[in-house]
Amino acid sequence: MIQYLTIMLQAQKAKMDERGASAVEYGLLVAGIAAVIVVAVFAFGDVVKDIFSGTSSKITASTSARS
């Protein structure tokens, strides 16, 4: 009986250790995705800014012409 309890406790401990490893893996995954987003913002930031600025000025000109 004691041997059975020992085995169960070891299995529970092993299961808890796996949860920690999973948390680390998810953390690394999130960090990698964040890094990709940062690189994309720096790479395409000026292009997107110019597109929005052009669109904004066209909307402003259109609104001003109607008034």
PDB file of N, CA and C in Angstrom:
ATOM      1  N   MET A   1       0.817  -1.205   0.000  1.00  0.00           N
ATOM      2  CA  MET A   1       0.000   0.000   0.000  1.00  0.00           C
ATOM      3  C   MET A   1       0.857   1.264   0.000  1.00  0.00           C
ATOM      4  N   ILE A   2       1.890   1.256   0.809  1.00  0.00           N
ATOM      5  CA  ILE A   2       2.787   2.414   0.876  1.00  0.00           C
ATOM      6  C   ILE A   2       3.488   2.600  -0.467  1.00  0.00           C
ATOM      7  N   GLN A   3       3.832   1.491  -1.090  1.00  0.00           N
ATOM      8  CA  GLN A   3       4.492   1.565  -2.392  1.00  0.00           C
ATOM      9  C   GLN A   3       3.556   2.205  -3.430  1.00  0.00           C
ATOM     10  N   TYR A   4       2.283   1.868  -3.371  1.00  0.00           N
ATOM     11  CA  TYR A   4       1.287   2.450  -4.278  1.00  0.00           C
ATOM     12  C   TYR A   4       1.191   3.962  -4.062  1.00  0.00           C
ATOM     13  N   LEU A   5       1.144   4.407  -2.812  1.00  0.00           N
ATOM     14  CA  LEU A   5       1.072   5.839  -2.517  1.00  0.00           C
ATOM     15  C   LEU A   5       2.325   6.575  -2.981  1.00  0.00           C
ATOM     16  N   THR A   6       3.464   5.937  -2.828  1.00  0.00           N
ATOM     17  CA  THR A   6       4.717   6.533  -3.285  1.00  0.00           C
ATOM     18  C   THR A   6       4.696   6.725  -4.800  1.00  0.00           C
ATOM     19  N   ILE A   7       4.228   5.726  -5.498  1.00  0.00           N
ATOM     20  CA  ILE A   7       4.137   5.815  -6.968  1.00  0.00           C
ATOM     21  C   ILE A   7       3.171   6.927  -7.375  1.00  0.00           C
ATOM     22  N   MET A   8       2.046   7.031  -6.689  1.00  0.00           N
ATOM     23  CA  MET A   8       1.054   8.068  -7.006  1.00  0.00           C
ATOM     24  C   MET A   8       1.620   9.465  -6.754  1.00  0.00           C
ATOM     25  N   LEU A   9       2.342   9.624  -5.647  1.00  0.00           N
ATOM     26  CA  LEU A   9       2.945  10.927  -5.340  1.00  0.00           C
ATOM     27  C   LEU A   9       4.004  11.302  -6.370  1.00  0.00           C
ATOM     28  N   GLN A  10       4.784  10.347  -6.803  1.00  0.00           N
ATOM     29  CA  GLN A  10       5.801  10.614  -7.820  1.00  0.00           C
ATOM     30  C   GLN A  10       5.155  10.976  -9.154  1.00  0.00           C
ATOM     31  N   ALA A  11       4.058  10.324  -9.483  1.00  0.00           N
ATOM     32  CA  ALA A  11       3.342  10.639 -10.723  1.00  0.00           C
ATOM     33  C   ALA A  11       2.770  12.053 -10.661  1.00  0.00           C
ATOM     34  N   GLN A  12       2.232  12.420  -9.505  1.00  0.00           N
ATOM     35  CA  GLN A  12       1.676  13.772  -9.333  1.00  0.00           C
ATOM     36  C   GLN A  12       2.789  14.813  -9.448  1.00  0.00           C
ATOM     37  N   LYS A  13       3.937  14.523  -8.857  1.00  0.00           N
ATOM     38  CA  LYS A  13       5.069  15.447  -8.925  1.00  0.00           C
ATOM     39  C   LYS A  13       5.547  15.602 -10.377  1.00  0.00           C
ATOM     40  N   ALA A  14       5.621  14.507 -11.105  1.00  0.00           N
ATOM     41  CA  ALA A  14       6.039  14.555 -12.503  1.00  0.00           C
ATOM     42  C   ALA A  14       5.050  15.372 -13.327  1.00  0.00           C
ATOM     43  N   LYS A  15       3.773  15.245 -13.030  1.00  0.00           N
ATOM     44  CA  LYS A  15       2.745  16.003 -13.745  1.00  0.00           C
ATOM     45  C   LYS A  15       2.907  17.496 -13.475  1.00  0.00           C
ATOM     46  N   MET A  16       3.234  17.860 -12.243  1.00  0.00           N
ATOM     47  CA  MET A  16       3.440  19.271 -11.895  1.00  0.00           C
ATOM     48  C   MET A  16       4.674  19.821 -12.599  1.00  0.00           C
ATOM     49  N   ASP A  17       5.710  19.012 -12.720  1.00  0.00           N
ATOM     50  CA  ASP A  17       6.916  19.451 -13.407  1.00  0.00           C
ATOM     51  C   ASP A  17       6.630  19.740 -14.876  1.00  0.00           C
ATOM     52  N   GLU A  18       5.761  18.969 -15.490  1.00  0.00           N
ATOM     53  CA  GLU A  18       5.396  19.190 -16.886  1.00  0.00           C
ATOM     54  C   GLU A  18       4.644  20.502 -17.057  1.00  0.00           C
ATOM     55  N   ARG A  19       3.828  20.878 -16.079  1.00  0.00           N
ATOM     56  CA  ARG A  19       3.108  22.144 -16.162  1.00  0.00           C
ATOM     57  C   ARG A  19       4.078  23.307 -16.204  1.00  0.00           C
ATOM     58  N   GLY A  20       5.130  23.240 -15.407  1.00  0.00           N
ATOM     59  CA  GLY A  20       6.138  24.300 -15.409  1.00  0.00           C
ATOM     60  C   GLY A  20       6.826  24.403 -16.758  1.00  0.00           C
ATOM     61  N   ALA A  21       7.129  23.265 -17.352  1.00  0.00           N
ATOM     62  CA  ALA A  21       7.776  23.269 -18.658  1.00  0.00           C
ATOM     63  C   ALA A  21       6.837  23.846 -19.712  1.00  0.00           C
ATOM     64  N   SER A  22       5.561  23.524 -19.609  1.00  0.00           N
ATOM     65  CA  SER A  22       4.601  24.057 -20.572  1.00  0.00           C
ATOM     66  C   SER A  22       4.494  25.576 -20.445  1.00  0.00           C
ATOM     67  N   ALA A  23       4.519  26.085 -19.217  1.00  0.00           N
ATOM     68  CA  ALA A  23       4.436  27.521 -19.007  1.00  0.00           C
ATOM     69  C   ALA A  23       5.645  28.213 -19.619  1.00  0.00           C
ATOM     70  N   VAL A  24       6.811  27.619 -19.476  1.00  0.00           N
ATOM     71  CA  VAL A  24       8.019  28.200 -20.071  1.00  0.00           C
ATOM     72  C   VAL A  24       7.917  28.182 -21.591  1.00  0.00           C
ATOM     73  N   GLU A  25       7.427  27.105 -22.146  1.00  0.00           N
ATOM     74  CA  GLU A  25       7.286  27.009 -23.596  1.00  0.00           C
ATOM     75  C   GLU A  25       6.305  28.049 -24.126  1.00  0.00           C
ATOM     76  N   TYR A  26       5.182  28.222 -23.422  1.00  0.00           N
ATOM     77  CA  TYR A  26       4.222  29.242 -23.850  1.00  0.00           C
ATOM     78  C   TYR A  26       4.812  30.637 -23.710  1.00  0.00           C
ATOM     79  N   GLY A  27       5.576  30.868 -22.672  1.00  0.00           N
ATOM     80  CA  GLY A  27       6.235  32.161 -22.495  1.00  0.00           C
ATOM     81  C   GLY A  27       7.191  32.460 -23.630  1.00  0.00           C
ATOM     82  N   LEU A  28       7.960  31.464 -24.032  1.00  0.00           N
ATOM     83  CA  LEU A  28       8.881  31.656 -25.157  1.00  0.00           C
ATOM     84  C   LEU A  28       8.124  31.896 -26.460  1.00  0.00           C
ATOM     85  N   LEU A  29       7.012  31.217 -26.619  1.00  0.00           N
ATOM     86  CA  LEU A  29       6.193  31.409 -27.817  1.00  0.00           C
ATOM     87  C   LEU A  29       5.641  32.834 -27.875  1.00  0.00           C
ATOM     88  N   VAL A  30       5.140  33.322 -26.751  1.00  0.00           N
ATOM     89  CA  VAL A  30       4.610  34.683 -26.697  1.00  0.00           C
ATOM     90  C   VAL A  30       5.722  35.702 -26.949  1.00  0.00           C
ATOM     91  N   ALA A  31       6.899  35.468 -26.385  1.00  0.00           N
ATOM     92  CA  ALA A  31       8.024  36.373 -26.601  1.00  0.00           C
ATOM     93  C   ALA A  31       8.433  36.399 -28.076  1.00  0.00           C
ATOM     94  N   GLY A  32       8.404  35.240 -28.716  1.00  0.00           N
ATOM     95  CA  GLY A  32       8.740  35.181 -30.140  1.00  0.00           C
ATOM     96  C   GLY A  32       7.730  35.923 -30.999  1.00  0.00           C
ATOM     97  N   ILE A  33       6.452  35.772 -30.694  1.00  0.00           N
ATOM     98  CA  ILE A  33       5.415  36.486 -31.441  1.00  0.00           C
ATOM     99  C   ILE A  33       5.553  37.991 -31.237  1.00  0.00           C
ATOM    100  N   ALA A  34       5.840  38.403 -30.001  1.00  0.00           N
ATOM    101  CA  ALA A  34       6.023  39.830 -29.723  1.00  0.00           C
ATOM    102  C   ALA A  34       7.218  40.377 -30.499  1.00  0.00           C
ATOM    103  N   ALA A  35       8.286  39.613 -30.592  1.00  0.00           N
ATOM    104  CA  ALA A  35       9.458  40.046 -31.345  1.00  0.00           C
ATOM    105  C   ALA A  35       9.125  40.213 -32.827  1.00  0.00           C
ATOM    106  N   VAL A  36       8.349  39.294 -33.377  1.00  0.00           N
ATOM    107  CA  VAL A  36       7.951  39.398 -34.790  1.00  0.00           C
ATOM    108  C   VAL A  36       7.096  40.647 -35.012  1.00  0.00           C
ATOM    109  N   ILE A  37       6.197  40.943 -34.084  1.00  0.00           N
ATOM    110  CA  ILE A  37       5.354  42.136 -34.201  1.00  0.00           C
ATOM    111  C   ILE A  37       6.206  43.401 -34.165  1.00  0.00           C
ATOM    112  N   VAL A  38       7.175  43.449 -33.253  1.00  0.00           N
ATOM    113  CA  VAL A  38       8.050  44.623 -33.155  1.00  0.00           C
ATOM    114  C   VAL A  38       8.839  44.814 -34.443  1.00  0.00           C
ATOM    115  N   VAL A  39       9.367  43.740 -34.989  1.00  0.00           N
ATOM    116  CA  VAL A  39      10.129  43.834 -36.241  1.00  0.00           C
ATOM    117  C   VAL A  39       9.222  44.309 -37.375  1.00  0.00           C
ATOM    118  N   ALA A  40       8.004  43.804 -37.440  1.00  0.00           N
ATOM    119  CA  ALA A  40       7.074  44.213 -38.495  1.00  0.00           C
ATOM    120  C   ALA A  40       6.708  45.682 -38.360  1.00  0.00           C
ATOM    121  N   VAL A  41       6.513  46.158 -37.134  1.00  0.00           N
ATOM    122  CA  VAL A  41       6.177  47.573 -36.940  1.00  0.00           C
ATOM    123  C   VAL A  41       7.328  48.456 -37.390  1.00  0.00           C
ATOM    124  N   PHE A  42       8.546  48.089 -37.031  1.00  0.00           N
ATOM    125  CA  PHE A  42       9.685  48.901 -37.455  1.00  0.00           C
ATOM    126  C   PHE A  42       9.910  48.816 -38.960  1.00  0.00           C
ATOM    127  N   ALA A  43       9.643  47.661 -39.567  1.00  0.00           N
ATOM    128  CA  ALA A  43       9.872  47.492 -41.000  1.00  0.00           C
ATOM    129  C   ALA A  43       8.821  48.215 -41.835  1.00  0.00           C
ATOM    130  N   PHE A  44       7.557  48.134 -41.428  1.00  0.00           N
ATOM    131  CA  PHE A  44       6.477  48.684 -42.235  1.00  0.00           C
ATOM    132  C   PHE A  44       5.822  49.915 -41.624  1.00  0.00           C
ATOM    133  N   GLY A  45       6.350  50.414 -40.529  1.00  0.00           N
ATOM    134  CA  GLY A  45       5.734  51.535 -39.826  1.00  0.00           C
ATOM    135  C   GLY A  45       5.609  52.791 -40.678  1.00  0.00           C
ATOM    136  N   ASP A  46       6.678  53.155 -41.374  1.00  0.00           N
ATOM    137  CA  ASP A  46       6.640  54.367 -42.189  1.00  0.00           C
ATOM    138  C   ASP A  46       5.682  54.244 -43.363  1.00  0.00           C
ATOM    139  N   VAL A  47       5.629  53.072 -43.966  1.00  0.00           N
ATOM    140  CA  VAL A  47       4.731  52.849 -45.100  1.00  0.00           C
ATOM    141  C   VAL A  47       3.275  52.987 -44.654  1.00  0.00           C
ATOM    142  N   VAL A  48       2.946  52.366 -43.546  1.00  0.00           N
ATOM    143  CA  VAL A  48       1.578  52.426 -43.037  1.00  0.00           C
ATOM    144  C   VAL A  48       1.231  53.845 -42.603  1.00  0.00           C
ATOM    145  N   LYS A  49       2.182  54.531 -41.994  1.00  0.00           N
ATOM    146  CA  LYS A  49       1.970  55.920 -41.575  1.00  0.00           C
ATOM    147  C   LYS A  49       1.674  56.804 -42.783  1.00  0.00           C
ATOM    148  N   ASP A  50       2.421  56.627 -43.858  1.00  0.00           N
ATOM    149  CA  ASP A  50       2.179  57.416 -45.065  1.00  0.00           C
ATOM    150  C   ASP A  50       0.803  57.118 -45.671  1.00  0.00           C
ATOM    151  N   ILE A  51       0.408  55.871 -45.656  1.00  0.00           N
ATOM    152  CA  ILE A  51      -0.903  55.495 -46.195  1.00  0.00           C
ATOM    153  C   ILE A  51      -2.018  56.163 -45.391  1.00  0.00           C
ATOM    154  N   PHE A  52      -1.921  56.098 -44.051  1.00  0.00           N
ATOM    155  CA  PHE A  52      -2.951  56.708 -43.217  1.00  0.00           C
ATOM    156  C   PHE A  52      -2.945  58.226 -43.333  1.00  0.00           C
ATOM    157  N   SER A  53      -1.765  58.823 -43.466  1.00  0.00           N
ATOM    158  CA  SER A  53      -1.686  60.279 -43.617  1.00  0.00           C
ATOM    159  C   SER A  53      -2.331  60.717 -44.932  1.00  0.00           C
ATOM    160  N   GLY A  54      -2.057  59.980 -46.001  1.00  0.00           N
ATOM    161  CA  GLY A  54      -2.659  60.291 -47.290  1.00  0.00           C
ATOM    162  C   GLY A  54      -4.169  60.148 -47.262  1.00  0.00           C
ATOM    163  N   THR A  55      -4.641  59.090 -46.646  1.00  0.00           N
ATOM    164  CA  THR A  55      -6.079  58.873 -46.533  1.00  0.00           C
ATOM    165  C   THR A  55      -6.731  59.968 -45.700  1.00  0.00           C
ATOM    166  N   SER A  56      -6.087  60.330 -44.606  1.00  0.00           N
ATOM    167  CA  SER A  56      -6.616  61.377 -43.733  1.00  0.00           C
ATOM    168  C   SER A  56      -6.683  62.719 -44.452  1.00  0.00           C
ATOM    169  N   SER A  57      -5.658  63.057 -45.203  1.00  0.00           N
ATOM    170  CA  SER A  57      -5.669  64.341 -45.923  1.00  0.00           C
ATOM    171  C   SER A  57      -6.726  64.342 -47.025  1.00  0.00           C
ATOM    172  N   LYS A  58      -6.944  63.216 -47.686  1.00  0.00           N
ATOM    173  CA  LYS A  58      -7.998  63.137 -48.707  1.00  0.00           C
ATOM    174  C   LYS A  58      -9.377  63.299 -48.080  1.00  0.00           C
ATOM    175  N   ILE A  59      -9.576  62.684 -46.913  1.00  0.00           N
ATOM    176  CA  ILE A  59     -10.873  62.830 -46.223  1.00  0.00           C
ATOM    177  C   ILE A  59     -11.074  64.271 -45.795  1.00  0.00           C
ATOM    178  N   THR A  60     -10.029  64.889 -45.277  1.00  0.00           N
ATOM    179  CA  THR A  60     -10.131  66.285 -44.852  1.00  0.00           C
ATOM    180  C   THR A  60     -10.412  67.190 -46.034  1.00  0.00           C
ATOM    181  N   ALA A  61      -9.747  66.957 -47.167  1.00  0.00           N
ATOM    182  CA  ALA A  61      -9.984  67.768 -48.361  1.00  0.00           C
ATOM    183  C   ALA A  61     -11.396  67.572 -48.880  1.00  0.00           C
ATOM    184  N   SER A  62     -11.882  66.350 -48.839  1.00  0.00           N
ATOM    185  CA  SER A  62     -13.247  66.061 -49.308  1.00  0.00           C
ATOM    186  C   SER A  62     -14.268  66.745 -48.406  1.00  0.00           C
ATOM    187  N   THR A  63     -14.034  66.719 -47.108  1.00  0.00           N
ATOM    188  CA  THR A  63     -14.960  67.357 -46.166  1.00  0.00           C
ATOM    189  C   THR A  63     -14.937  68.856 -46.319  1.00  0.00           C
ATOM    190  N   SER A  64     -13.762  69.424 -46.558  1.00  0.00           N
ATOM    191  CA  SER A  64     -13.629  70.865 -46.723  1.00  0.00           C
ATOM    192  C   SER A  64     -14.294  71.337 -48.024  1.00  0.00           C
ATOM    193  N   ALA A  65     -14.214  70.525 -49.066  1.00  0.00           N
ATOM    194  CA  ALA A  65     -14.805  70.883 -50.356  1.00  0.00           C
ATOM    195  C   ALA A  65     -16.334  70.904 -50.275  1.00  0.00           C
ATOM    196  N   ARG A  66     -16.928  70.064 -49.453  1.00  0.00           N
ATOM    197  CA  ARG A  66     -18.385  70.006 -49.312  1.00  0.00           C
ATOM    198  C   ARG A  66     -18.925  71.167 -48.508  1.00  0.00           C
ATOM    199  N   SER A  67     -18.103  71.692 -47.590  1.00  0.00           N
ATOM    200  CA  SER A  67     -18.594  72.752 -46.717  1.00  0.00           C
ATOM    201  C   SER A  67     -18.757  74.012 -47.427  1.00  0.00           C
TER     202      SER A  67
END
